[in-house]
PDB file of N, CA and C in Angstrom:
ATOM      1  N   UNK A   1      36.470 121.684 -42.037  1.00  0.00           N
ATOM      2  CA  UNK A   1      37.730 121.127 -41.938  1.00  0.00           C
ATOM      3  C   UNK A   1      37.657 119.627 -42.178  1.00  0.00           C
ATOM      4  N   UNK A   2      38.265 119.263 -43.481  1.00  0.00           N
ATOM      5  CA  UNK A   2      38.489 117.873 -43.884  1.00  0.00           C
ATOM      6  C   UNK A   2      39.260 117.136 -43.140  1.00  0.00           C
ATOM      7  N   UNK A   3      38.959 115.929 -42.900  1.00  0.00           N
ATOM      8  CA  UNK A   3      39.885 114.845 -42.214  1.00  0.00           C
ATOM      9  C   UNK A   3      39.712 113.453 -42.773  1.00  0.00           C
ATOM     10  N   UNK A   4      40.810 112.861 -42.738  1.00  0.00           N
ATOM     11  CA  UNK A   4      40.794 111.637 -43.326  1.00  0.00           C
ATOM     12  C   UNK A   4      40.059 110.612 -42.222  1.00  0.00           C
ATOM     13  N   UNK A   5      38.914 109.986 -42.844  1.00  0.00           N
ATOM     14  CA  UNK A   5      38.176 109.171 -42.036  1.00  0.00           C
ATOM     15  C   UNK A   5      38.651 107.603 -42.123  1.00  0.00           C
ATOM     16  N   UNK A   6      38.792 107.178 -43.514  1.00  0.00           N
ATOM     17  CA  UNK A   6      39.241 105.794 -43.838  1.00  0.00           C
ATOM     18  C   UNK A   6      40.053 105.704 -44.807  1.00  0.00           C
ATOM     19  N   UNK A   7      40.841 104.773 -44.990  1.00  0.00           N
ATOM     20  CA  UNK A   7      41.536 104.398 -46.153  1.00  0.00           C
ATOM     21  C   UNK A   7      41.222 103.097 -46.681  1.00  0.00           C
ATOM     22  N   UNK A   8      41.183 103.020 -47.823  1.00  0.00           N
ATOM     23  CA  UNK A   8      40.656 101.390 -48.265  1.00  0.00           C
ATOM     24  C   UNK A   8      41.368 101.201 -49.757  1.00  0.00           C
ATOM     25  N   UNK A   9      41.179 100.024 -50.191  1.00  0.00           N
ATOM     26  CA  UNK A   9      41.789 100.019 -51.648  1.00  0.00           C
ATOM     27  C   UNK A   9      41.211 100.698 -52.497  1.00  0.00           C
ATOM     28  N   UNK A  10      41.748 101.159 -53.678  1.00  0.00           N
ATOM     29  CA  UNK A  10      41.099 102.055 -54.609  1.00  0.00           C
ATOM     30  C   UNK A  10      39.880 101.169 -55.274  1.00  0.00           C
ATOM     31  N   UNK A  11      39.815  99.976 -55.253  1.00  0.00           N
ATOM     32  CA  UNK A  11      38.824  99.184 -55.810  1.00  0.00           C
ATOM     33  C   UNK A  11      37.708  99.256 -54.963  1.00  0.00           C
ATOM     34  N   UNK A  12      37.838  99.368 -53.754  1.00  0.00           N
ATOM     35  CA  UNK A  12      36.694  99.434 -52.629  1.00  0.00           C
ATOM     36  C   UNK A  12      36.102 100.687 -52.690  1.00  0.00           C
ATOM     37  N   UNK A  13      37.006 101.703 -52.890  1.00  0.00           N
ATOM     38  CA  UNK A  13      36.380 103.158 -52.988  1.00  0.00           C
ATOM     39  C   UNK A  13      35.388 103.246 -54.339  1.00  0.00           C
ATOM     40  N   UNK A  14      35.876 102.552 -55.379  1.00  0.00           N
ATOM     41  CA  UNK A  14      34.998 102.798 -56.651  1.00  0.00           C
ATOM     42  C   UNK A  14      33.834 101.882 -56.588  1.00  0.00           C
ATOM     43  N   UNK A  15      33.915 100.875 -55.717  1.00  0.00           N
ATOM     44  CA  UNK A  15      32.756 100.015 -55.436  1.00  0.00           C
ATOM     45  C   UNK A  15      31.822 100.601 -54.543  1.00  0.00           C
ATOM     46  N   UNK A  16      32.135 101.464 -53.657  1.00  0.00           N
ATOM     47  CA  UNK A  16      31.245 102.259 -52.753  1.00  0.00           C
ATOM     48  C   UNK A  16      30.504 103.499 -53.726  1.00  0.00           C
ATOM     49  N   UNK A  17      31.427 104.117 -54.496  1.00  0.00           N
ATOM     50  CA  UNK A  17      30.967 104.947 -55.472  1.00  0.00           C
ATOM     51  C   UNK A  17      29.834 104.622 -56.428  1.00  0.00           C
ATOM     52  N   UNK A  18      30.326 103.331 -56.931  1.00  0.00           N
ATOM     53  CA  UNK A  18      29.411 102.743 -57.859  1.00  0.00           C
ATOM     54  C   UNK A  18      27.939 102.293 -57.177  1.00  0.00           C
ATOM     55  N   UNK A  19      28.169 101.950 -56.048  1.00  0.00           N
ATOM     56  CA  UNK A  19      26.986 101.591 -55.005  1.00  0.00           C
ATOM     57  C   UNK A  19      26.068 102.869 -55.050  1.00  0.00           C
ATOM     58  N   UNK A  20      26.639 103.708 -54.475  1.00  0.00           N
ATOM     59  CA  UNK A  20      25.982 105.127 -54.142  1.00  0.00           C
ATOM     60  C   UNK A  20      25.349 105.731 -55.390  1.00  0.00           C
ATOM     61  N   UNK A  21      26.135 105.535 -56.597  1.00  0.00           N
ATOM     62  CA  UNK A  21      25.532 105.944 -58.015  1.00  0.00           C
ATOM     63  C   UNK A  21      24.365 105.139 -58.186  1.00  0.00           C
ATOM     64  N   UNK A  22      24.243 103.993 -57.878  1.00  0.00           N
ATOM     65  CA  UNK A  22      23.074 103.022 -58.286  1.00  0.00           C
ATOM     66  C   UNK A  22      22.074 103.511 -57.319  1.00  0.00           C
ATOM     67  N   UNK A  23      22.106 104.130 -56.184  1.00  0.00           N
ATOM     68  CA  UNK A  23      21.059 104.373 -55.296  1.00  0.00           C
ATOM     69  C   UNK A  23      20.958 105.810 -54.922  1.00  0.00           C
ATOM     70  N   UNK A  24      20.734 106.637 -55.998  1.00  0.00           N
ATOM     71  CA  UNK A  24      20.705 108.213 -56.075  1.00  0.00           C
ATOM     72  C   UNK A  24      19.199 108.286 -55.516  1.00  0.00           C
ATOM     73  N   UNK A  25      19.218 109.721 -55.244  1.00  0.00           N
ATOM     74  CA  UNK A  25      17.835 110.255 -54.936  1.00  0.00           C
ATOM     75  C   UNK A  25      16.884 109.831 -56.184  1.00  0.00           C
ATOM     76  N   UNK A  26      17.292 110.108 -57.297  1.00  0.00           N
ATOM     77  CA  UNK A  26      16.611 109.805 -58.545  1.00  0.00           C
ATOM     78  C   UNK A  26      16.141 108.144 -58.657  1.00  0.00           C
ATOM     79  N   UNK A  27      16.895 107.483 -58.072  1.00  0.00           N
ATOM     80  CA  UNK A  27      16.511 105.898 -58.077  1.00  0.00           C
ATOM     81  C   UNK A  27      15.814 105.559 -56.957  1.00  0.00           C
ATOM     82  N   UNK A  28      15.491 106.434 -56.064  1.00  0.00           N
ATOM     83  CA  UNK A  28      15.080 105.969 -54.556  1.00  0.00           C
ATOM     84  C   UNK A  28      15.647 105.776 -53.628  1.00  0.00           C
ATOM     85  N   UNK A  29      16.959 106.227 -53.584  1.00  0.00           N
ATOM     86  CA  UNK A  29      18.088 106.132 -52.679  1.00  0.00           C
ATOM     87  C   UNK A  29      18.305 107.456 -51.980  1.00  0.00           C
ATOM     88  N   UNK A  30      19.286 107.300 -51.187  1.00  0.00           N
ATOM     89  CA  UNK A  30      19.745 108.594 -50.228  1.00  0.00           C
ATOM     90  C   UNK A  30      20.856 109.493 -50.828  1.00  0.00           C
ATOM     91  N   UNK A  31      21.571 109.100 -52.095  1.00  0.00           N
ATOM     92  CA  UNK A  31      22.975 109.587 -52.322  1.00  0.00           C
ATOM     93  C   UNK A  31      22.824 110.506 -53.608  1.00  0.00           C
ATOM     94  N   UNK A  32      23.768 111.374 -53.611  1.00  0.00           N
ATOM     95  CA  UNK A  32      24.017 112.261 -54.720  1.00  0.00           C
ATOM     96  C   UNK A  32      25.426 112.095 -54.914  1.00  0.00           C
ATOM     97  N   UNK A  33      25.822 111.566 -56.167  1.00  0.00           N
ATOM     98  CA  UNK A  33      27.414 111.413 -56.471  1.00  0.00           C
ATOM     99  C   UNK A  33      27.824 112.502 -57.503  1.00  0.00           C
ATOM    100  N   UNK A  34      28.885 113.239 -57.098  1.00  0.00           N
ATOM    101  CA  UNK A  34      29.405 114.368 -58.200  1.00  0.00           C
ATOM    102  C   UNK A  34      30.807 113.950 -58.264  1.00  0.00           C
ATOM    103  N   UNK A  35      31.212 113.385 -59.493  1.00  0.00           N
ATOM    104  CA  UNK A  35      32.495 113.067 -60.073  1.00  0.00           C
ATOM    105  C   UNK A  35      33.141 114.544 -60.522  1.00  0.00           C
ATOM    106  N   UNK A  36      34.631 114.284 -60.246  1.00  0.00           N
ATOM    107  CA  UNK A  36      35.268 115.521 -61.186  1.00  0.00           C
ATOM    108  C   UNK A  36      35.294 115.058 -62.601  1.00  0.00           C
ATOM    109  N   UNK A  37      35.817 115.986 -63.470  1.00  0.00           N
ATOM    110  CA  UNK A  37      35.926 115.731 -65.035  1.00  0.00           C
ATOM    111  C   UNK A  37      36.394 114.347 -65.277  1.00  0.00           C
ATOM    112  N   UNK A  38      37.327 113.779 -64.614  1.00  0.00           N
ATOM    113  CA  UNK A  38      38.186 112.968 -64.707  1.00  0.00           C
ATOM    114  C   UNK A  38      37.563 111.576 -64.243  1.00  0.00           C
ATOM    115  N   UNK A  39      36.526 111.732 -63.470  1.00  0.00           N
ATOM    116  CA  UNK A  39      35.797 110.653 -62.837  1.00  0.00           C
ATOM    117  C   UNK A  39      36.719 109.778 -62.069  1.00  0.00           C
ATOM    118  N   UNK A  40      37.617 110.637 -61.302  1.00  0.00           N
ATOM    119  CA  UNK A  40      38.709 109.950 -60.263  1.00  0.00           C
ATOM    120  C   UNK A  40      38.330 110.409 -58.800  1.00  0.00           C
ATOM    121  N   UNK A  41      37.801 111.464 -58.748  1.00  0.00           N
ATOM    122  CA  UNK A  41      37.505 112.142 -57.322  1.00  0.00           C
ATOM    123  C   UNK A  41      35.926 112.316 -57.163  1.00  0.00           C
ATOM    124  N   UNK A  42      35.704 111.977 -56.057  1.00  0.00           N
ATOM    125  CA  UNK A  42      33.962 111.993 -56.120  1.00  0.00           C
ATOM    126  C   UNK A  42      33.668 112.616 -54.662  1.00  0.00           C
ATOM    127  N   UNK A  43      32.533 113.367 -54.763  1.00  0.00           N
ATOM    128  CA  UNK A  43      31.809 113.955 -53.432  1.00  0.00           C
ATOM    129  C   UNK A  43      30.524 113.232 -53.435  1.00  0.00           C
ATOM    130  N   UNK A  44      30.294 112.721 -52.323  1.00  0.00           N
ATOM    131  CA  UNK A  44      29.025 111.824 -52.250  1.00  0.00           C
ATOM    132  C   UNK A  44      28.303 112.517 -50.990  1.00  0.00           C
ATOM    133  N   UNK A  45      27.106 113.185 -51.591  1.00  0.00           N
ATOM    134  CA  UNK A  45      26.097 113.639 -50.491  1.00  0.00           C
ATOM    135  C   UNK A  45      25.251 112.377 -50.016  1.00  0.00           C
ATOM    136  N   UNK A  46      24.845 112.669 -48.759  1.00  0.00           N
ATOM    137  CA  UNK A  46      24.108 111.633 -48.122  1.00  0.00           C
ATOM    138  C   UNK A  46      22.895 112.495 -47.526  1.00  0.00           C
ATOM    139  N   UNK A  47      21.672 111.939 -47.949  1.00  0.00           N
ATOM    140  CA  UNK A  47      20.626 112.906 -47.639  1.00  0.00           C
ATOM    141  C   UNK A  47      19.839 111.887 -46.365  1.00  0.00           C
ATOM    142  N   UNK A  48      19.162 112.810 -45.652  1.00  0.00           N
ATOM    143  CA  UNK A  48      18.141 112.182 -44.715  1.00  0.00           C
ATOM    144  C   UNK A  48      16.669 112.261 -45.341  1.00  0.00           C
ATOM    145  N   UNK A  49      15.983 111.234 -44.858  1.00  0.00           N
ATOM    146  CA  UNK A  49      14.687 111.072 -45.383  1.00  0.00           C
ATOM    147  C   UNK A  49      13.444 111.286 -44.442  1.00  0.00           C
ATOM    148  N   UNK A  50      12.312 112.113 -44.919  1.00  0.00           N
ATOM    149  CA  UNK A  50      11.361 112.568 -43.945  1.00  0.00           C
ATOM    150  C   UNK A  50      10.510 111.207 -43.622  1.00  0.00           C
ATOM    151  N   UNK A  51      10.378 110.290 -44.628  1.00  0.00           N
ATOM    152  CA  UNK A  51       9.596 109.258 -44.449  1.00  0.00           C
ATOM    153  C   UNK A  51       9.364 108.258 -45.622  1.00  0.00           C
ATOM    154  N   UNK A  52       8.602 107.507 -45.723  1.00  0.00           N
ATOM    155  CA  UNK A  52       8.303 106.425 -46.695  1.00  0.00           C
ATOM    156  C   UNK A  52       7.222 106.969 -47.699  1.00  0.00           C
ATOM    157  N   UNK A  53       7.083 106.263 -48.882  1.00  0.00           N
ATOM    158  CA  UNK A  53       6.036 106.623 -49.574  1.00  0.00           C
ATOM    159  C   UNK A  53       6.346 107.632 -50.638  1.00  0.00           C
ATOM    160  N   UNK A  54       5.424 108.088 -51.410  1.00  0.00           N
ATOM    161  CA  UNK A  54       5.623 108.900 -52.524  1.00  0.00           C
ATOM    162  C   UNK A  54       5.774 110.514 -51.962  1.00  0.00           C
ATOM    163  N   UNK A  55       5.330 110.683 -50.776  1.00  0.00           N
ATOM    164  CA  UNK A  55       5.454 112.096 -50.191  1.00  0.00           C
ATOM    165  C   UNK A  55       6.923 112.282 -49.475  1.00  0.00           C
ATOM    166  N   UNK A  56       7.776 111.502 -49.571  1.00  0.00           N
ATOM    167  CA  UNK A  56       9.072 111.831 -48.785  1.00  0.00           C
ATOM    168  C   UNK A  56       9.795 112.758 -49.295  1.00  0.00           C
ATOM    169  N   UNK A  57      10.500 113.440 -48.605  1.00  0.00           N
ATOM    170  CA  UNK A  57      11.274 114.591 -48.814  1.00  0.00           C
ATOM    171  C   UNK A  57      12.766 114.279 -48.369  1.00  0.00           C
ATOM    172  N   UNK A  58      13.846 114.799 -49.130  1.00  0.00           N
ATOM    173  CA  UNK A  58      15.172 114.566 -48.638  1.00  0.00           C
ATOM    174  C   UNK A  58      15.821 115.851 -48.419  1.00  0.00           C
ATOM    175  N   UNK A  59      16.874 115.687 -47.351  1.00  0.00           N
ATOM    176  CA  UNK A  59      17.533 117.033 -46.984  1.00  0.00           C
ATOM    177  C   UNK A  59      18.876 116.353 -46.891  1.00  0.00           C
ATOM    178  N   UNK A  60      19.876 117.270 -47.240  1.00  0.00           N
ATOM    179  CA  UNK A  60      21.326 117.058 -47.444  1.00  0.00           C
ATOM    180  C   UNK A  60      21.723 117.036 -45.849  1.00  0.00           C
ATOM    181  N   UNK A  61      22.298 115.682 -45.430  1.00  0.00           N
ATOM    182  CA  UNK A  61      22.936 115.450 -44.165  1.00  0.00           C
ATOM    183  C   UNK A  61      24.371 115.889 -44.036  1.00  0.00           C
ATOM    184  N   UNK A  62      24.911 115.489 -45.157  1.00  0.00           N
ATOM    185  CA  UNK A  62      26.446 115.587 -45.084  1.00  0.00           C
ATOM    186  C   UNK A  62      27.059 115.020 -46.168  1.00  0.00           C
ATOM    187  N   UNK A  63      28.395 115.003 -46.490  1.00  0.00           N
ATOM    188  CA  UNK A  63      29.097 114.553 -47.602  1.00  0.00           C
ATOM    189  C   UNK A  63      30.303 113.838 -47.038  1.00  0.00           C
ATOM    190  N   UNK A  64      30.679 112.945 -48.014  1.00  0.00           N
ATOM    191  CA  UNK A  64      32.102 112.373 -47.813  1.00  0.00           C
ATOM    192  C   UNK A  64      32.657 112.400 -49.233  1.00  0.00           C
ATOM    193  N   UNK A  65      34.031 112.353 -49.260  1.00  0.00           N
ATOM    194  CA  UNK A  65      34.813 112.713 -50.494  1.00  0.00           C
ATOM    195  C   UNK A  65      35.799 111.444 -50.641  1.00  0.00           C
ATOM    196  N   UNK A  66      35.759 111.074 -51.950  1.00  0.00           N
ATOM    197  CA  UNK A  66      36.610 109.777 -52.166  1.00  0.00           C
ATOM    198  C   UNK A  66      37.735 110.103 -53.173  1.00  0.00           C
ATOM    199  N   UNK A  67      38.928 109.801 -52.839  1.00  0.00           N
ATOM    200  CA  UNK A  67      40.264 109.988 -53.448  1.00  0.00           C
ATOM    201  C   UNK A  67      40.552 111.428 -53.549  1.00  0.00           C
ATOM    202  N   UNK A  68      40.117 112.387 -52.845  1.00  0.00           N
ATOM    203  CA  UNK A  68      40.464 113.720 -52.856  1.00  0.00           C
ATOM    204  C   UNK A  68      41.859 114.013 -52.170  1.00  0.00           C
ATOM    205  N   UNK A  69      42.088 113.246 -51.031  1.00  0.00           N
ATOM    206  CA  UNK A  69      43.367 113.348 -50.478  1.00  0.00           C
ATOM    207  C   UNK A  69      44.362 112.429 -50.978  1.00  0.00           C
ATOM    208  N   UNK A  70      44.080 111.368 -51.793  1.00  0.00           N
ATOM    209  CA  UNK A  70      44.922 110.430 -52.344  1.00  0.00           C
ATOM    210  C   UNK A  70      44.120 109.228 -52.653  1.00  0.00           C
ATOM    211  N   UNK A  71      44.574 108.445 -53.455  1.00  0.00           N
ATOM    212  CA  UNK A  71      43.792 107.172 -53.898  1.00  0.00           C
ATOM    213  C   UNK A  71      43.431 106.286 -52.698  1.00  0.00           C
ATOM    214  N   UNK A  72      42.196 105.870 -52.755  1.00  0.00           N
ATOM    215  CA  UNK A  72      41.713 105.100 -51.601  1.00  0.00           C
ATOM    216  C   UNK A  72      41.334 105.813 -50.273  1.00  0.00           C
ATOM    217  N   UNK A  73      41.495 107.126 -50.464  1.00  0.00           N
ATOM    218  CA  UNK A  73      41.340 107.948 -49.157  1.00  0.00           C
ATOM    219  C   UNK A  73      39.852 108.291 -48.932  1.00  0.00           C
ATOM    220  N   UNK A  74      39.138 108.227 -48.067  1.00  0.00           N
ATOM    221  CA  UNK A  74      37.656 108.679 -47.830  1.00  0.00           C
ATOM    222  C   UNK A  74      38.060 109.721 -46.708  1.00  0.00           C
ATOM    223  N   UNK A  75      37.596 111.093 -47.097  1.00  0.00           N
ATOM    224  CA  UNK A  75      37.628 112.170 -46.063  1.00  0.00           C
ATOM    225  C   UNK A  75      36.145 112.705 -45.910  1.00  0.00           C
ATOM    226  N   UNK A  76      35.982 113.348 -44.735  1.00  0.00           N
ATOM    227  CA  UNK A  76      34.738 113.914 -44.221  1.00  0.00           C
ATOM    228  C   UNK A  76      35.068 115.284 -43.639  1.00  0.00           C
ATOM    229  N   UNK A  77      34.068 116.135 -43.788  1.00  0.00           N
ATOM    230  CA  UNK A  77      34.205 117.337 -42.916  1.00  0.00           C
ATOM    231  C   UNK A  77      33.802 117.358 -41.527  1.00  0.00           C
ATOM    232  N   UNK A  78      34.901 117.259 -40.870  1.00  0.00           N
ATOM    233  CA  UNK A  78      34.640 117.076 -39.210  1.00  0.00           C
ATOM    234  C   UNK A  78      34.221 118.481 -38.727  1.00  0.00           C
ATOM    235  N   UNK A  79      33.846 118.370 -37.523  1.00  0.00           N
ATOM    236  CA  UNK A  79      33.501 119.453 -36.860  1.00  0.00           C
ATOM    237  C   UNK A  79      34.607 120.355 -36.443  1.00  0.00           C
ATOM    238  N   UNK A  80      34.536 121.766 -36.794  1.00  0.00           N
ATOM    239  CA  UNK A  80      35.665 122.552 -36.347  1.00  0.00           C
ATOM    240  C   UNK A  80      35.525 123.004 -34.762  1.00  0.00           C
ATOM    241  N   UNK A  81      36.814 122.578 -34.081  1.00  0.00           N
ATOM    242  CA  UNK A  81      36.501 122.788 -32.710  1.00  0.00           C
ATOM    243  C   UNK A  81      36.465 124.365 -32.311  1.00  0.00           C
ATOM    244  N   UNK A  82      36.853 125.260 -33.121  1.00  0.00           N
ATOM    245  CA  UNK A  82      36.525 126.580 -32.896  1.00  0.00           C
ATOM    246  C   UNK A  82      35.366 127.258 -33.390  1.00  0.00           C
ATOM    247  N   UNK A  83      34.285 126.544 -34.041  1.00  0.00           N
ATOM    248  CA  UNK A  83      33.248 126.956 -34.559  1.00  0.00           C
ATOM    249  C   UNK A  83      31.925 126.669 -33.625  1.00  0.00           C
ATOM    250  N   UNK A  84      30.995 127.455 -33.290  1.00  0.00           N
ATOM    251  CA  UNK A  84      30.083 127.098 -32.339  1.00  0.00           C
ATOM    252  C   UNK A  84      28.873 126.656 -33.393  1.00  0.00           C
ATOM    253  N   UNK A  85      28.882 125.373 -33.777  1.00  0.00           N
ATOM    254  CA  UNK A  85      27.796 125.053 -34.714  1.00  0.00           C
ATOM    255  C   UNK A  85      26.752 124.456 -33.971  1.00  0.00           C
ATOM    256  N   UNK A  86      25.652 124.111 -34.725  1.00  0.00           N
ATOM    257  CA  UNK A  86      24.564 123.515 -34.032  1.00  0.00           C
ATOM    258  C   UNK A  86      24.850 122.084 -33.531  1.00  0.00           C
ATOM    259  N   UNK A  87      23.989 121.895 -32.542  1.00  0.00           N
ATOM    260  CA  UNK A  87      24.422 120.511 -31.656  1.00  0.00           C
ATOM    261  C   UNK A  87      24.228 119.393 -32.781  1.00  0.00           C
ATOM    262  N   UNK A  88      23.277 119.253 -33.630  1.00  0.00           N
ATOM    263  CA  UNK A  88      22.953 118.161 -34.299  1.00  0.00           C
ATOM    264  C   UNK A  88      24.032 118.021 -35.283  1.00  0.00           C
ATOM    265  N   UNK A  89      25.022 118.862 -35.455  1.00  0.00           N
ATOM    266  CA  UNK A  89      26.124 118.611 -36.386  1.00  0.00           C
ATOM    267  C   UNK A  89      26.978 117.376 -36.099  1.00  0.00           C
ATOM    268  N   UNK A  90      27.213 117.113 -34.900  1.00  0.00           N
ATOM    269  CA  UNK A  90      28.026 116.085 -34.369  1.00  0.00           C
ATOM    270  C   UNK A  90      27.180 114.731 -34.555  1.00  0.00           C
ATOM    271  N   UNK A  91      25.960 114.804 -34.709  1.00  0.00           N
ATOM    272  CA  UNK A  91      25.070 113.654 -34.712  1.00  0.00           C
ATOM    273  C   UNK A  91      25.330 113.192 -36.319  1.00  0.00           C
ATOM    274  N   UNK A  92      25.137 114.339 -37.168  1.00  0.00           N
ATOM    275  CA  UNK A  92      25.351 114.214 -38.596  1.00  0.00           C
ATOM    276  C   UNK A  92      26.649 113.657 -39.010  1.00  0.00           C
ATOM    277  N   UNK A  93      27.640 114.065 -38.473  1.00  0.00           N
ATOM    278  CA  UNK A  93      29.063 113.678 -38.775  1.00  0.00           C
ATOM    279  C   UNK A  93      29.187 112.058 -38.411  1.00  0.00           C
ATOM    280  N   UNK A  94      28.552 111.726 -37.206  1.00  0.00           N
ATOM    281  CA  UNK A  94      28.652 110.439 -36.856  1.00  0.00           C
ATOM    282  C   UNK A  94      27.816 109.549 -37.839  1.00  0.00           C
ATOM    283  N   UNK A  95      26.678 110.100 -38.202  1.00  0.00           N
ATOM    284  CA  UNK A  95      25.853 109.249 -39.177  1.00  0.00           C
ATOM    285  C   UNK A  95      26.595 109.177 -40.528  1.00  0.00           C
ATOM    286  N   UNK A  96      27.394 109.997 -40.898  1.00  0.00           N
ATOM    287  CA  UNK A  96      28.193 110.022 -42.211  1.00  0.00           C
ATOM    288  C   UNK A  96      29.160 108.854 -41.830  1.00  0.00           C
ATOM    289  N   UNK A  97      29.921 108.772 -40.828  1.00  0.00           N
ATOM    290  CA  UNK A  97      30.731 107.663 -40.404  1.00  0.00           C
ATOM    291  C   UNK A  97      30.183 106.511 -40.545  1.00  0.00           C
ATOM    292  N   UNK A  98      28.879 106.288 -39.888  1.00  0.00           N
ATOM    293  CA  UNK A  98      28.270 105.051 -39.924  1.00  0.00           C
ATOM    294  C   UNK A  98      27.930 104.521 -41.347  1.00  0.00           C
ATOM    295  N   UNK A  99      27.519 105.556 -42.138  1.00  0.00           N
ATOM    296  CA  UNK A  99      27.119 105.361 -43.687  1.00  0.00           C
ATOM    297  C   UNK A  99      28.299 104.655 -44.348  1.00  0.00           C
ATOM    298  N   UNK A 100      29.493 105.414 -44.264  1.00  0.00           N
ATOM    299  CA  UNK A 100      30.798 104.925 -44.875  1.00  0.00           C
ATOM    300  C   UNK A 100      31.045 103.549 -44.288  1.00  0.00           C
ATOM    301  N   UNK A 101      30.995 103.393 -43.025  1.00  0.00           N
ATOM    302  CA  UNK A 101      31.406 101.971 -42.531  1.00  0.00           C
ATOM    303  C   UNK A 101      30.590 100.936 -43.085  1.00  0.00           C
ATOM    304  N   UNK A 102      29.198 101.076 -43.188  1.00  0.00           N
ATOM    305  CA  UNK A 102      28.306 100.187 -43.769  1.00  0.00           C
ATOM    306  C   UNK A 102      28.535  99.970 -45.271  1.00  0.00           C
ATOM    307  N   UNK A 103      28.797 101.210 -46.023  1.00  0.00           N
ATOM    308  CA  UNK A 103      29.056 100.843 -47.346  1.00  0.00           C
ATOM    309  C   UNK A 103      30.239 100.045 -47.637  1.00  0.00           C
ATOM    310  N   UNK A 104      31.402 100.246 -46.913  1.00  0.00           N
ATOM    311  CA  UNK A 104      32.707  99.486 -47.034  1.00  0.00           C
ATOM    312  C   UNK A 104      32.401  98.039 -46.776  1.00  0.00           C
ATOM    313  N   UNK A 105      31.410  97.847 -45.660  1.00  0.00           N
ATOM    314  CA  UNK A 105      31.362  96.370 -45.174  1.00  0.00           C
ATOM    315  C   UNK A 105      30.144  95.642 -46.217  1.00  0.00           C
ATOM    316  N   UNK A 106      29.221  96.330 -46.418  1.00  0.00           N
ATOM    317  CA  UNK A 106      28.042  95.632 -47.176  1.00  0.00           C
ATOM    318  C   UNK A 106      27.708  96.219 -48.645  1.00  0.00           C
ATOM    319  N   UNK A 107      28.241  97.284 -49.160  1.00  0.00           N
ATOM    320  CA  UNK A 107      27.938  97.871 -50.245  1.00  0.00           C
ATOM    321  C   UNK A 107      28.467  97.155 -51.617  1.00  0.00           C
ATOM    322  N   UNK A 108      28.093  96.162 -51.987  1.00  0.00           N
ATOM    323  CA  UNK A 108      28.452  95.206 -53.093  1.00  0.00           C
ATOM    324  C   UNK A 108      27.289  95.198 -54.089  1.00  0.00           C
ATOM    325  N   UNK A 109      27.746  94.954 -55.443  1.00  0.00           N
ATOM    326  CA  UNK A 109      26.851  94.850 -56.400  1.00  0.00           C
ATOM    327  C   UNK A 109      25.557  93.867 -55.956  1.00  0.00           C
ATOM    328  N   UNK A 110      24.412  94.446 -56.106  1.00  0.00           N
ATOM    329  CA  UNK A 110      23.138  93.466 -55.940  1.00  0.00           C
ATOM    330  C   UNK A 110      22.637  93.447 -54.476  1.00  0.00           C
ATOM    331  N   UNK A 111      23.278  94.127 -53.605  1.00  0.00           N
ATOM    332  CA  UNK A 111      22.959  94.137 -52.105  1.00  0.00           C
ATOM    333  C   UNK A 111      22.113  95.373 -51.896  1.00  0.00           C
ATOM    334  N   UNK A 112      21.003  95.079 -51.127  1.00  0.00           N
ATOM    335  CA  UNK A 112      20.435  96.250 -50.910  1.00  0.00           C
ATOM    336  C   UNK A 112      20.298  96.628 -49.505  1.00  0.00           C
ATOM    337  N   UNK A 113      20.860  97.818 -49.226  1.00  0.00           N
ATOM    338  CA  UNK A 113      21.236  98.155 -47.718  1.00  0.00           C
ATOM    339  C   UNK A 113      20.030  99.007 -47.265  1.00  0.00           C
ATOM    340  N   UNK A 114      19.479  98.750 -46.011  1.00  0.00           N
ATOM    341  CA  UNK A 114      18.518  99.709 -45.545  1.00  0.00           C
ATOM    342  C   UNK A 114      19.340 100.509 -44.426  1.00  0.00           C
ATOM    343  N   UNK A 115      19.023 101.730 -45.044  1.00  0.00           N
ATOM    344  CA  UNK A 115      19.720 102.741 -43.763  1.00  0.00           C
ATOM    345  C   UNK A 115      18.709 103.256 -42.926  1.00  0.00           C
ATOM    346  N   UNK A 116      17.363 102.943 -42.907  1.00  0.00           N
ATOM    347  CA  UNK A 116      16.512 103.416 -42.219  1.00  0.00           C
ATOM    348  C   UNK A 116      16.599 103.129 -40.703  1.00  0.00           C
ATOM    349  N   UNK A 117      17.304 102.183 -40.210  1.00  0.00           N
ATOM    350  CA  UNK A 117      17.716 102.294 -38.825  1.00  0.00           C
ATOM    351  C   UNK A 117      18.482 103.205 -38.238  1.00  0.00           C
ATOM    352  N   UNK A 118      19.147 104.091 -39.022  1.00  0.00           N
ATOM    353  CA  UNK A 118      20.176 105.041 -38.343  1.00  0.00           C
ATOM    354  C   UNK A 118      19.150 106.246 -37.980  1.00  0.00           C
ATOM    355  N   UNK A 119      19.151 106.749 -36.697  1.00  0.00           N
ATOM    356  CA  UNK A 119      18.400 107.629 -36.384  1.00  0.00           C
ATOM    357  C   UNK A 119      18.705 108.934 -36.980  1.00  0.00           C
ATOM    358  N   UNK A 120      19.811 109.266 -37.116  1.00  0.00           N
ATOM    359  CA  UNK A 120      20.229 110.484 -37.770  1.00  0.00           C
ATOM    360  C   UNK A 120      19.778 110.758 -39.313  1.00  0.00           C
ATOM    361  N   UNK A 121      19.479 109.608 -39.986  1.00  0.00           N
ATOM    362  CA  UNK A 121      18.782 109.853 -41.318  1.00  0.00           C
ATOM    363  C   UNK A 121      17.444 109.953 -41.412  1.00  0.00           C
ATOM    364  N   UNK A 122      16.814 110.233 -40.284  1.00  0.00           N
ATOM    365  CA  UNK A 122      15.530 110.545 -40.344  1.00  0.00           C
ATOM    366  C   UNK A 122      15.263 111.997 -39.745  1.00  0.00           C
ATOM    367  N   UNK A 123      14.274 112.585 -40.137  1.00  0.00           N
ATOM    368  CA  UNK A 123      13.748 113.892 -39.448  1.00  0.00           C
ATOM    369  C   UNK A 123      12.314 114.173 -39.385  1.00  0.00           C
TER     370      UNK A 123
END
């Protein structure tokens, strides 16, 4: 079930998408960014990391969506209250929310953000 998590200026949304695109898994980051063909709508997958070094593995933690519900709108997949999912799902949703908040606050060009302090991003 998608729900609106944050609204921001369109410029801020594109800024965090650009930031995530700069820190993809291929570049040593935690993100995977998937634009629509027009590059206006984006799905951003946030991965958790098993550790540091050359042996670290990534696992998808969750995703957020930019501009799907409207320009400047960031949506997430919330827990469905009628679905008996795994207990860790609520931690994952909270971690995605924290990542979005950090990106909006600190995700500017040239800034390196360390997400290692977020317990839900580790496994």
